[in-house]
């Protein structure tokens, strides 16, 4: 007898739905059955974001800072324009029609620049003007906030200056609020993540140059279940957990008599998967030596 030599087993959205219905003792009968199951699957992914660290959704992001700018999107936010060459990094841009404002944080190329989260919304085709350079250009397309809004949390952050990474400490909302001089400039050494619908990364001191780079590991959303032929954005070790969770969610609507057992199975599968998905780095605790005169 020979083995398959295959390690590419994957389940698409339709297969998960069929499996979940069968665990409820049901069959997929109508198009609405598929629609309601896909909705439950996406709600299940949202629940996973609240349950802890999903290692496969960690993304390392880099942002080049701008002198005098202390607030940045917690992701990539670019504004495409006809020409960016005459604008200055750090200046404020204003939309001629929308009156939206934002600060330029870098210029990736001659037809775009990254910005802070704008006050208002820049409209495609409108003219924008720089506050310092007085340069003008037109907006090529509306900004896409999806990358920033996919950020759930930031795990760790450093600032790179002259090729060296320096750790940045995290502050709570109240700790950041209590900083007496928020306009103080220097090399950033603290940050606060304002977890709005579009999350904002606030750093302090405010950068004193346009060359430092903020690097952060962020936890992002699991990709949506869209078409039924899509595979899901989940590693194979979470397949049993996903099937069990979808069955439990469907049982609330379709088979409440089996909801209790399915919930128990789901929680057991989820616990097992989360235990396996943990970080395995060594954790050491040592007492402060100064207390012993060392």
C-alpha atoms as a PDB file:
ATOM      1  CA  UNK A   1       0.000   0.000   0.000  1.00  0.00           C
ATOM      2  CA  UNK A   2       1.199   3.514  -0.767  1.00  0.00           C
ATOM      3  CA  UNK A   3       0.292   6.893   0.672  1.00  0.00           C
ATOM      4  CA  UNK A   4      -1.063   9.749  -1.426  1.00  0.00           C
ATOM      5  CA  UNK A   5       2.125  11.865  -1.222  1.00  0.00           C
ATOM      6  CA  UNK A   6      -0.284  14.796  -1.271  1.00  0.00           C
ATOM      7  CA  UNK A   7      -0.489  17.586   1.309  1.00  0.00           C
ATOM      8  CA  UNK A   8      -2.745  20.073  -0.447  1.00  0.00           C
ATOM      9  CA  UNK A   9      -6.184  19.317   1.006  1.00  0.00           C
ATOM     10  CA  UNK A  10      -8.268  22.516   1.017  1.00  0.00           C
ATOM     11  CA  UNK A  11     -11.930  23.250   1.586  1.00  0.00           C
ATOM     12  CA  UNK A  12     -13.762  26.030  -0.190  1.00  0.00           C
ATOM     13  CA  UNK A  13     -16.606  28.097   1.238  1.00  0.00           C
ATOM     14  CA  UNK A  14     -19.301  25.859  -0.265  1.00  0.00           C
ATOM     15  CA  UNK A  15     -17.709  22.747   1.265  1.00  0.00           C
ATOM     16  CA  UNK A  16     -17.610  24.337   4.736  1.00  0.00           C
ATOM     17  CA  UNK A  17     -21.272  25.267   4.413  1.00  0.00           C
ATOM     18  CA  UNK A  18     -22.225  21.732   3.368  1.00  0.00           C
ATOM     19  CA  UNK A  19     -20.211  20.261   6.254  1.00  0.00           C
ATOM     20  CA  UNK A  20     -21.839  22.634   8.750  1.00  0.00           C
ATOM     21  CA  UNK A  21     -25.359  21.814   7.548  1.00  0.00           C
ATOM     22  CA  UNK A  22     -24.648  18.095   7.817  1.00  0.00           C
ATOM     23  CA  UNK A  23     -23.433  18.535  11.410  1.00  0.00           C
ATOM     24  CA  UNK A  24     -26.774  20.193  12.127  1.00  0.00           C
ATOM     25  CA  UNK A  25     -28.552  17.185  10.618  1.00  0.00           C
ATOM     26  CA  UNK A  26     -29.672  19.236   7.613  1.00  0.00           C
ATOM     27  CA  UNK A  27     -29.010  19.653   3.896  1.00  0.00           C
ATOM     28  CA  UNK A  28     -28.481  22.788   1.826  1.00  0.00           C
ATOM     29  CA  UNK A  29     -31.764  23.223  -0.040  1.00  0.00           C
ATOM     30  CA  UNK A  30     -32.035  26.799  -1.271  1.00  0.00           C
ATOM     31  CA  UNK A  31     -29.947  29.742  -2.360  1.00  0.00           C
ATOM     32  CA  UNK A  32     -30.909  31.463   0.867  1.00  0.00           C
ATOM     33  CA  UNK A  33     -29.338  28.608   2.838  1.00  0.00           C
ATOM     34  CA  UNK A  34     -26.026  29.437   1.141  1.00  0.00           C
ATOM     35  CA  UNK A  35     -26.468  33.169   1.707  1.00  0.00           C
ATOM     36  CA  UNK A  36     -27.255  32.922   5.419  1.00  0.00           C
ATOM     37  CA  UNK A  37     -24.405  30.437   5.953  1.00  0.00           C
ATOM     38  CA  UNK A  38     -21.862  32.716   4.264  1.00  0.00           C
ATOM     39  CA  UNK A  39     -23.023  35.595   6.447  1.00  0.00           C
ATOM     40  CA  UNK A  40     -22.531  33.414   9.532  1.00  0.00           C
ATOM     41  CA  UNK A  41     -19.053  32.472   8.327  1.00  0.00           C
ATOM     42  CA  UNK A  42     -17.999  36.118   8.082  1.00  0.00           C
ATOM     43  CA  UNK A  43     -19.437  36.813  11.540  1.00  0.00           C
ATOM     44  CA  UNK A  44     -17.430  33.851  12.833  1.00  0.00           C
ATOM     45  CA  UNK A  45     -14.237  35.465  11.501  1.00  0.00           C
ATOM     46  CA  UNK A  46     -15.128  38.648  13.401  1.00  0.00           C
ATOM     47  CA  UNK A  47     -15.506  36.565  16.575  1.00  0.00           C
ATOM     48  CA  UNK A  48     -12.037  35.100  16.037  1.00  0.00           C
ATOM     49  CA  UNK A  49     -10.582  38.618  16.019  1.00  0.00           C
ATOM     50  CA  UNK A  50     -11.873  39.008  19.592  1.00  0.00           C
ATOM     51  CA  UNK A  51     -10.517  35.680  20.816  1.00  0.00           C
ATOM     52  CA  UNK A  52      -6.809  36.349  20.684  1.00  0.00           C
ATOM     53  CA  UNK A  53      -3.732  36.286  18.508  1.00  0.00           C
ATOM     54  CA  UNK A  54      -4.177  34.743  15.050  1.00  0.00           C
ATOM     55  CA  UNK A  55      -0.526  34.262  14.082  1.00  0.00           C
ATOM     56  CA  UNK A  56      -1.142  34.012  10.332  1.00  0.00           C
ATOM     57  CA  UNK A  57      -2.779  37.453  10.216  1.00  0.00           C
ATOM     58  CA  UNK A  58       0.258  39.335  11.595  1.00  0.00           C
ATOM     59  CA  UNK A  59       1.608  41.843   9.083  1.00  0.00           C
ATOM     60  CA  UNK A  60       4.739  43.976   9.473  1.00  0.00           C
ATOM     61  CA  UNK A  61       4.163  47.497   8.176  1.00  0.00           C
ATOM     62  CA  UNK A  62       6.609  50.375   7.694  1.00  0.00           C
ATOM     63  CA  UNK A  63       5.733  54.077   7.671  1.00  0.00           C
ATOM     64  CA  UNK A  64       8.175  56.878   6.896  1.00  0.00           C
ATOM     65  CA  UNK A  65       7.536  59.773   9.276  1.00  0.00           C
ATOM     66  CA  UNK A  66       7.257  63.456   8.481  1.00  0.00           C
ATOM     67  CA  UNK A  67       8.808  66.197  10.590  1.00  0.00           C
ATOM     68  CA  UNK A  68       6.233  67.778  12.889  1.00  0.00           C
ATOM     69  CA  UNK A  69       3.550  65.140  12.218  1.00  0.00           C
ATOM     70  CA  UNK A  70       2.621  62.991  15.218  1.00  0.00           C
ATOM     71  CA  UNK A  71      -0.413  61.016  13.977  1.00  0.00           C
ATOM     72  CA  UNK A  72      -0.342  58.331  11.266  1.00  0.00           C
ATOM     73  CA  UNK A  73      -2.679  55.700   9.812  1.00  0.00           C
ATOM     74  CA  UNK A  74      -2.181  52.251  11.356  1.00  0.00           C
ATOM     75  CA  UNK A  75      -1.547  50.885   7.875  1.00  0.00           C
ATOM     76  CA  UNK A  76      -0.953  52.115   4.346  1.00  0.00           C
ATOM     77  CA  UNK A  77      -2.936  55.129   3.147  1.00  0.00           C
ATOM     78  CA  UNK A  78      -2.056  56.618  -0.250  1.00  0.00           C
ATOM     79  CA  UNK A  79      -3.603  59.438  -2.259  1.00  0.00           C
ATOM     80  CA  UNK A  80      -3.172  59.105  -6.034  1.00  0.00           C
ATOM     81  CA  UNK A  81      -2.800  62.447  -7.808  1.00  0.00           C
ATOM     82  CA  UNK A  82      -1.871  63.821 -11.226  1.00  0.00           C
ATOM     83  CA  UNK A  83       1.543  64.930  -9.926  1.00  0.00           C
ATOM     84  CA  UNK A  84       3.161  64.989  -6.494  1.00  0.00           C
ATOM     85  CA  UNK A  85       6.541  66.471  -7.406  1.00  0.00           C
ATOM     86  CA  UNK A  86       5.886  70.088  -6.348  1.00  0.00           C
ATOM     87  CA  UNK A  87       4.491  69.249  -2.906  1.00  0.00           C
ATOM     88  CA  UNK A  88       6.488  69.188   0.338  1.00  0.00           C
ATOM     89  CA  UNK A  89       6.541  66.376   2.901  1.00  0.00           C
ATOM     90  CA  UNK A  90       4.883  67.534   6.118  1.00  0.00           C
ATOM     91  CA  UNK A  91       2.669  70.206   4.575  1.00  0.00           C
ATOM     92  CA  UNK A  92      -1.113  70.238   4.768  1.00  0.00           C
ATOM     93  CA  UNK A  93      -3.173  69.664   1.641  1.00  0.00           C
ATOM     94  CA  UNK A  94      -6.737  70.941   1.237  1.00  0.00           C
ATOM     95  CA  UNK A  95      -9.408  69.793  -1.210  1.00  0.00           C
ATOM     96  CA  UNK A  96     -10.882  72.612  -3.282  1.00  0.00           C
ATOM     97  CA  UNK A  97     -14.353  71.041  -3.431  1.00  0.00           C
ATOM     98  CA  UNK A  98     -14.550  68.815  -0.362  1.00  0.00           C
ATOM     99  CA  UNK A  99     -12.490  71.094   1.944  1.00  0.00           C
ATOM    100  CA  UNK A 100     -10.918  67.888   3.306  1.00  0.00           C
ATOM    101  CA  UNK A 101      -7.454  68.285   4.861  1.00  0.00           C
ATOM    102  CA  UNK A 102      -4.518  65.961   5.578  1.00  0.00           C
ATOM    103  CA  UNK A 103      -0.753  66.110   5.979  1.00  0.00           C
ATOM    104  CA  UNK A 104       1.658  64.577   3.461  1.00  0.00           C
ATOM    105  CA  UNK A 105       3.897  62.032   5.186  1.00  0.00           C
ATOM    106  CA  UNK A 106       5.958  60.774   2.210  1.00  0.00           C
ATOM    107  CA  UNK A 107       6.048  60.683  -1.600  1.00  0.00           C
ATOM    108  CA  UNK A 108       6.369  57.076  -2.845  1.00  0.00           C
ATOM    109  CA  UNK A 109       6.436  58.212  -6.475  1.00  0.00           C
ATOM    110  CA  UNK A 110       5.669  61.164  -8.734  1.00  0.00           C
ATOM    111  CA  UNK A 111       1.933  60.420  -8.850  1.00  0.00           C
ATOM    112  CA  UNK A 112       1.066  59.657  -5.234  1.00  0.00           C
ATOM    113  CA  UNK A 113       1.831  60.458  -1.635  1.00  0.00           C
ATOM    114  CA  UNK A 114       0.979  58.908   1.689  1.00  0.00           C
ATOM    115  CA  UNK A 115      -1.093  61.011   4.055  1.00  0.00           C
ATOM    116  CA  UNK A 116      -2.460  61.180   7.545  1.00  0.00           C
ATOM    117  CA  UNK A 117      -6.097  60.202   7.972  1.00  0.00           C
ATOM    118  CA  UNK A 118      -7.931  63.142   6.418  1.00  0.00           C
ATOM    119  CA  UNK A 119     -10.486  65.371   8.024  1.00  0.00           C
ATOM    120  CA  UNK A 120     -13.239  64.891   5.468  1.00  0.00           C
ATOM    121  CA  UNK A 121     -12.995  62.911   2.230  1.00  0.00           C
ATOM    122  CA  UNK A 122     -11.016  63.866  -0.865  1.00  0.00           C
ATOM    123  CA  UNK A 123     -13.157  63.546  -3.992  1.00  0.00           C
ATOM    124  CA  UNK A 124     -11.865  62.054  -7.219  1.00  0.00           C
ATOM    125  CA  UNK A 125     -11.158  64.821  -9.743  1.00  0.00           C
ATOM    126  CA  UNK A 126     -11.052  67.708  -7.284  1.00  0.00           C
ATOM    127  CA  UNK A 127      -8.108  70.108  -7.000  1.00  0.00           C
ATOM    128  CA  UNK A 128      -5.925  69.988  -3.899  1.00  0.00           C
ATOM    129  CA  UNK A 129      -3.555  72.724  -2.746  1.00  0.00           C
ATOM    130  CA  UNK A 130      -0.468  72.542  -0.546  1.00  0.00           C
ATOM    131  CA  UNK A 131      -0.359  74.940   2.416  1.00  0.00           C
ATOM    132  CA  UNK A 132       3.409  75.575   2.225  1.00  0.00           C
ATOM    133  CA  UNK A 133       4.332  74.990  -1.412  1.00  0.00           C
ATOM    134  CA  UNK A 134       1.073  76.438  -2.814  1.00  0.00           C
ATOM    135  CA  UNK A 135       1.315  73.638  -5.391  1.00  0.00           C
ATOM    136  CA  UNK A 136      -1.882  72.298  -6.928  1.00  0.00           C
ATOM    137  CA  UNK A 137      -2.878  69.036  -8.561  1.00  0.00           C
ATOM    138  CA  UNK A 138      -5.975  66.917  -9.066  1.00  0.00           C
ATOM    139  CA  UNK A 139      -6.992  63.768  -7.209  1.00  0.00           C
ATOM    140  CA  UNK A 140      -6.900  60.722  -9.499  1.00  0.00           C
ATOM    141  CA  UNK A 141      -9.047  58.455  -7.337  1.00  0.00           C
ATOM    142  CA  UNK A 142     -10.652  58.373  -3.918  1.00  0.00           C
ATOM    143  CA  UNK A 143      -8.482  57.077  -1.064  1.00  0.00           C
ATOM    144  CA  UNK A 144      -8.814  53.416  -0.141  1.00  0.00           C
ATOM    145  CA  UNK A 145      -9.023  53.013   3.649  1.00  0.00           C
ATOM    146  CA  UNK A 146      -9.396  49.224   3.629  1.00  0.00           C
ATOM    147  CA  UNK A 147      -5.779  48.458   4.559  1.00  0.00           C
ATOM    148  CA  UNK A 148      -5.863  50.785   7.576  1.00  0.00           C
ATOM    149  CA  UNK A 149      -9.303  49.607   8.672  1.00  0.00           C
ATOM    150  CA  UNK A 150      -8.143  45.981   8.538  1.00  0.00           C
ATOM    151  CA  UNK A 151      -5.832  46.675  11.510  1.00  0.00           C
ATOM    152  CA  UNK A 152      -7.137  45.098  14.703  1.00  0.00           C
ATOM    153  CA  UNK A 153      -4.237  45.908  17.020  1.00  0.00           C
ATOM    154  CA  UNK A 154      -0.516  46.644  17.088  1.00  0.00           C
ATOM    155  CA  UNK A 155       1.682  44.090  18.829  1.00  0.00           C
ATOM    156  CA  UNK A 156       5.108  45.744  18.837  1.00  0.00           C
ATOM    157  CA  UNK A 157       6.755  48.828  17.371  1.00  0.00           C
ATOM    158  CA  UNK A 158      10.254  50.158  16.673  1.00  0.00           C
ATOM    159  CA  UNK A 159      11.640  53.307  15.077  1.00  0.00           C
ATOM    160  CA  UNK A 160      14.557  52.974  12.668  1.00  0.00           C
ATOM    161  CA  UNK A 161      17.102  55.788  12.630  1.00  0.00           C
ATOM    162  CA  UNK A 162      20.409  55.569  10.750  1.00  0.00           C
ATOM    163  CA  UNK A 163      19.995  51.817  10.334  1.00  0.00           C
ATOM    164  CA  UNK A 164      19.372  51.110  14.034  1.00  0.00           C
ATOM    165  CA  UNK A 165      16.048  49.952  15.490  1.00  0.00           C
ATOM    166  CA  UNK A 166      14.927  51.510  18.774  1.00  0.00           C
ATOM    167  CA  UNK A 167      12.020  50.059  20.744  1.00  0.00           C
ATOM    168  CA  UNK A 168       8.915  52.185  21.277  1.00  0.00           C
ATOM    169  CA  UNK A 169       6.820  51.693  24.423  1.00  0.00           C
ATOM    170  CA  UNK A 170       3.046  51.498  24.277  1.00  0.00           C
ATOM    171  CA  UNK A 171       0.915  53.982  26.200  1.00  0.00           C
ATOM    172  CA  UNK A 172      -2.696  53.717  27.314  1.00  0.00           C
ATOM    173  CA  UNK A 173      -5.221  56.347  26.297  1.00  0.00           C
ATOM    174  CA  UNK A 174      -4.969  58.095  29.675  1.00  0.00           C
ATOM    175  CA  UNK A 175      -1.155  57.961  29.696  1.00  0.00           C
ATOM    176  CA  UNK A 176      -1.017  59.580  26.264  1.00  0.00           C
ATOM    177  CA  UNK A 177      -3.559  62.196  27.321  1.00  0.00           C
ATOM    178  CA  UNK A 178      -1.401  63.101  30.316  1.00  0.00           C
ATOM    179  CA  UNK A 179       1.690  63.921  28.250  1.00  0.00           C
ATOM    180  CA  UNK A 180       2.081  67.645  29.063  1.00  0.00           C
ATOM    181  CA  UNK A 181       3.783  68.801  25.838  1.00  0.00           C
ATOM    182  CA  UNK A 182       2.495  66.796  22.921  1.00  0.00           C
ATOM    183  CA  UNK A 183       4.307  68.985  20.368  1.00  0.00           C
ATOM    184  CA  UNK A 184       7.758  68.193  21.753  1.00  0.00           C
ATOM    185  CA  UNK A 185      10.013  66.928  18.951  1.00  0.00           C
ATOM    186  CA  UNK A 186      12.693  64.251  18.953  1.00  0.00           C
ATOM    187  CA  UNK A 187      13.102  60.562  18.214  1.00  0.00           C
ATOM    188  CA  UNK A 188       9.767  58.852  18.940  1.00  0.00           C
ATOM    189  CA  UNK A 189       9.904  56.475  21.908  1.00  0.00           C
ATOM    190  CA  UNK A 190       6.221  56.025  22.844  1.00  0.00           C
ATOM    191  CA  UNK A 191       3.016  55.308  20.949  1.00  0.00           C
ATOM    192  CA  UNK A 192      -0.714  55.075  21.485  1.00  0.00           C
ATOM    193  CA  UNK A 193      -3.058  53.237  19.116  1.00  0.00           C
ATOM    194  CA  UNK A 194      -6.416  54.981  18.909  1.00  0.00           C
ATOM    195  CA  UNK A 195      -8.595  52.056  17.849  1.00  0.00           C
ATOM    196  CA  UNK A 196     -11.251  53.853  15.855  1.00  0.00           C
ATOM    197  CA  UNK A 197     -12.962  52.358  12.779  1.00  0.00           C
ATOM    198  CA  UNK A 198      -9.965  53.813  10.940  1.00  0.00           C
ATOM    199  CA  UNK A 199      -7.217  53.281  13.576  1.00  0.00           C
ATOM    200  CA  UNK A 200      -4.754  56.098  14.260  1.00  0.00           C
ATOM    201  CA  UNK A 201      -1.160  55.571  15.440  1.00  0.00           C
ATOM    202  CA  UNK A 202      -0.071  58.465  17.658  1.00  0.00           C
ATOM    203  CA  UNK A 203       3.658  58.713  18.401  1.00  0.00           C
ATOM    204  CA  UNK A 204       5.633  60.862  20.842  1.00  0.00           C
ATOM    205  CA  UNK A 205       7.847  62.817  20.741  1.00  0.00           C
ATOM    206  CA  UNK A 206       6.748  64.218  17.397  1.00  0.00           C
ATOM    207  CA  UNK A 207       9.340  63.297  14.722  1.00  0.00           C
ATOM    208  CA  UNK A 208      12.081  65.850  14.093  1.00  0.00           C
ATOM    209  CA  UNK A 209      12.980  64.612  10.589  1.00  0.00           C
ATOM    210  CA  UNK A 210      11.543  63.051   7.417  1.00  0.00           C
ATOM    211  CA  UNK A 211      13.777  59.974   7.423  1.00  0.00           C
ATOM    212  CA  UNK A 212      12.897  57.924  10.515  1.00  0.00           C
ATOM    213  CA  UNK A 213      10.855  54.806   9.780  1.00  0.00           C
ATOM    214  CA  UNK A 214       8.205  53.416  12.121  1.00  0.00           C
ATOM    215  CA  UNK A 215       7.920  49.629  11.863  1.00  0.00           C
ATOM    216  CA  UNK A 216       5.131  47.780  13.598  1.00  0.00           C
ATOM    217  CA  UNK A 217       3.693  44.277  13.696  1.00  0.00           C
ATOM    218  CA  UNK A 218      -0.056  44.555  13.419  1.00  0.00           C
ATOM    219  CA  UNK A 219      -2.842  42.041  13.793  1.00  0.00           C
ATOM    220  CA  UNK A 220      -5.159  42.276  10.780  1.00  0.00           C
ATOM    221  CA  UNK A 221      -8.586  40.982   9.810  1.00  0.00           C
ATOM    222  CA  UNK A 222      -9.075  37.558   8.283  1.00  0.00           C
ATOM    223  CA  UNK A 223     -10.055  37.875   4.622  1.00  0.00           C
ATOM    224  CA  UNK A 224     -13.805  37.721   3.969  1.00  0.00           C
ATOM    225  CA  UNK A 225     -15.610  34.707   2.579  1.00  0.00           C
ATOM    226  CA  UNK A 226     -16.921  36.122  -0.698  1.00  0.00           C
ATOM    227  CA  UNK A 227     -17.613  33.666  -3.520  1.00  0.00           C
ATOM    228  CA  UNK A 228     -18.530  30.097  -2.698  1.00  0.00           C
ATOM    229  CA  UNK A 229     -15.594  28.737  -4.709  1.00  0.00           C
ATOM    230  CA  UNK A 230     -13.042  30.690  -2.637  1.00  0.00           C
ATOM    231  CA  UNK A 231     -10.826  28.898  -0.187  1.00  0.00           C
ATOM    232  CA  UNK A 232     -10.646  30.623   3.198  1.00  0.00           C
ATOM    233  CA  UNK A 233      -7.818  32.670   4.706  1.00  0.00           C
ATOM    234  CA  UNK A 234      -7.140  30.098   7.424  1.00  0.00           C
ATOM    235  CA  UNK A 235      -4.236  27.614   7.906  1.00  0.00           C
ATOM    236  CA  UNK A 236      -5.089  23.923   7.669  1.00  0.00           C
ATOM    237  CA  UNK A 237      -4.725  23.383  11.425  1.00  0.00           C
ATOM    238  CA  UNK A 238      -7.815  25.596  11.924  1.00  0.00           C
ATOM    239  CA  UNK A 239     -10.003  23.653   9.448  1.00  0.00           C
ATOM    240  CA  UNK A 240     -11.741  21.509  12.149  1.00  0.00           C
ATOM    241  CA  UNK A 241     -12.306  24.576  14.303  1.00  0.00           C
ATOM    242  CA  UNK A 242     -13.827  26.530  11.416  1.00  0.00           C
ATOM    243  CA  UNK A 243     -16.197  23.734  10.454  1.00  0.00           C
ATOM    244  CA  UNK A 244     -17.280  23.291  14.073  1.00  0.00           C
ATOM    245  CA  UNK A 245     -17.787  27.025  14.550  1.00  0.00           C
ATOM    246  CA  UNK A 246     -19.880  27.439  11.422  1.00  0.00           C
ATOM    247  CA  UNK A 247     -22.042  24.457  12.429  1.00  0.00           C
ATOM    248  CA  UNK A 248     -22.626  26.063  15.829  1.00  0.00           C
ATOM    249  CA  UNK A 249     -23.527  29.427  14.283  1.00  0.00           C
ATOM    250  CA  UNK A 250     -25.953  27.781  11.853  1.00  0.00           C
ATOM    251  CA  UNK A 251     -27.560  25.737  14.618  1.00  0.00           C
ATOM    252  CA  UNK A 252     -28.706  28.967  16.303  1.00  0.00           C
ATOM    253  CA  UNK A 253     -30.893  29.627  13.259  1.00  0.00           C
ATOM    254  CA  UNK A 254     -31.598  26.218  11.806  1.00  0.00           C
ATOM    255  CA  UNK A 255     -31.289  23.545  14.505  1.00  0.00           C
ATOM    256  CA  UNK A 256     -31.470  24.957  18.046  1.00  0.00           C
ATOM    257  CA  UNK A 257     -31.969  21.448  19.476  1.00  0.00           C
ATOM    258  CA  UNK A 258     -28.307  20.605  18.757  1.00  0.00           C
ATOM    259  CA  UNK A 259     -26.868  24.032  19.583  1.00  0.00           C
ATOM    260  CA  UNK A 260     -25.508  22.944  22.994  1.00  0.00           C
ATOM    261  CA  UNK A 261     -23.423  19.970  21.787  1.00  0.00           C
ATOM    262  CA  UNK A 262     -22.172  21.890  18.744  1.00  0.00           C
ATOM    263  CA  UNK A 263     -21.090  24.794  20.928  1.00  0.00           C
ATOM    264  CA  UNK A 264     -19.111  22.444  23.190  1.00  0.00           C
ATOM    265  CA  UNK A 265     -17.378  20.870  20.189  1.00  0.00           C
ATOM    266  CA  UNK A 266     -16.587  24.299  18.731  1.00  0.00           C
ATOM    267  CA  UNK A 267     -15.096  25.631  21.961  1.00  0.00           C
ATOM    268  CA  UNK A 268     -12.985  22.480  22.366  1.00  0.00           C
ATOM    269  CA  UNK A 269     -11.706  22.716  18.783  1.00  0.00           C
ATOM    270  CA  UNK A 270     -11.032  26.439  19.159  1.00  0.00           C
ATOM    271  CA  UNK A 271      -9.084  25.973  22.392  1.00  0.00           C
ATOM    272  CA  UNK A 272      -6.956  23.256  20.838  1.00  0.00           C
ATOM    273  CA  UNK A 273      -6.201  25.371  17.748  1.00  0.00           C
ATOM    274  CA  UNK A 274      -5.362  28.505  19.756  1.00  0.00           C
ATOM    275  CA  UNK A 275      -3.044  26.512  22.022  1.00  0.00           C
ATOM    276  CA  UNK A 276      -1.154  25.267  18.983  1.00  0.00           C
ATOM    277  CA  UNK A 277      -1.017  28.762  17.419  1.00  0.00           C
ATOM    278  CA  UNK A 278       0.869  30.342  20.327  1.00  0.00           C
ATOM    279  CA  UNK A 279       4.328  31.913  20.211  1.00  0.00           C
ATOM    280  CA  UNK A 280       6.929  29.397  21.385  1.00  0.00           C
ATOM    281  CA  UNK A 281       9.735  31.784  22.317  1.00  0.00           C
ATOM    282  CA  UNK A 282      11.263  31.296  25.780  1.00  0.00           C
ATOM    283  CA  UNK A 283       9.921  33.489  28.559  1.00  0.00           C
ATOM    284  CA  UNK A 284      12.298  34.306  31.399  1.00  0.00           C
ATOM    285  CA  UNK A 285      11.686  36.153  34.666  1.00  0.00           C
ATOM    286  CA  UNK A 286      14.541  37.326  36.889  1.00  0.00           C
ATOM    287  CA  UNK A 287      14.465  39.397  40.090  1.00  0.00           C
ATOM    288  CA  UNK A 288      15.932  42.931  40.024  1.00  0.00           C
ATOM    289  CA  UNK A 289      19.576  42.566  41.077  1.00  0.00           C
ATOM    290  CA  UNK A 290      19.855  46.038  42.591  1.00  0.00           C
ATOM    291  CA  UNK A 291      17.786  44.920  45.593  1.00  0.00           C
ATOM    292  CA  UNK A 292      20.541  42.505  46.531  1.00  0.00           C
ATOM    293  CA  UNK A 293      23.443  44.896  46.138  1.00  0.00           C
ATOM    294  CA  UNK A 294      24.638  43.259  42.905  1.00  0.00           C
END
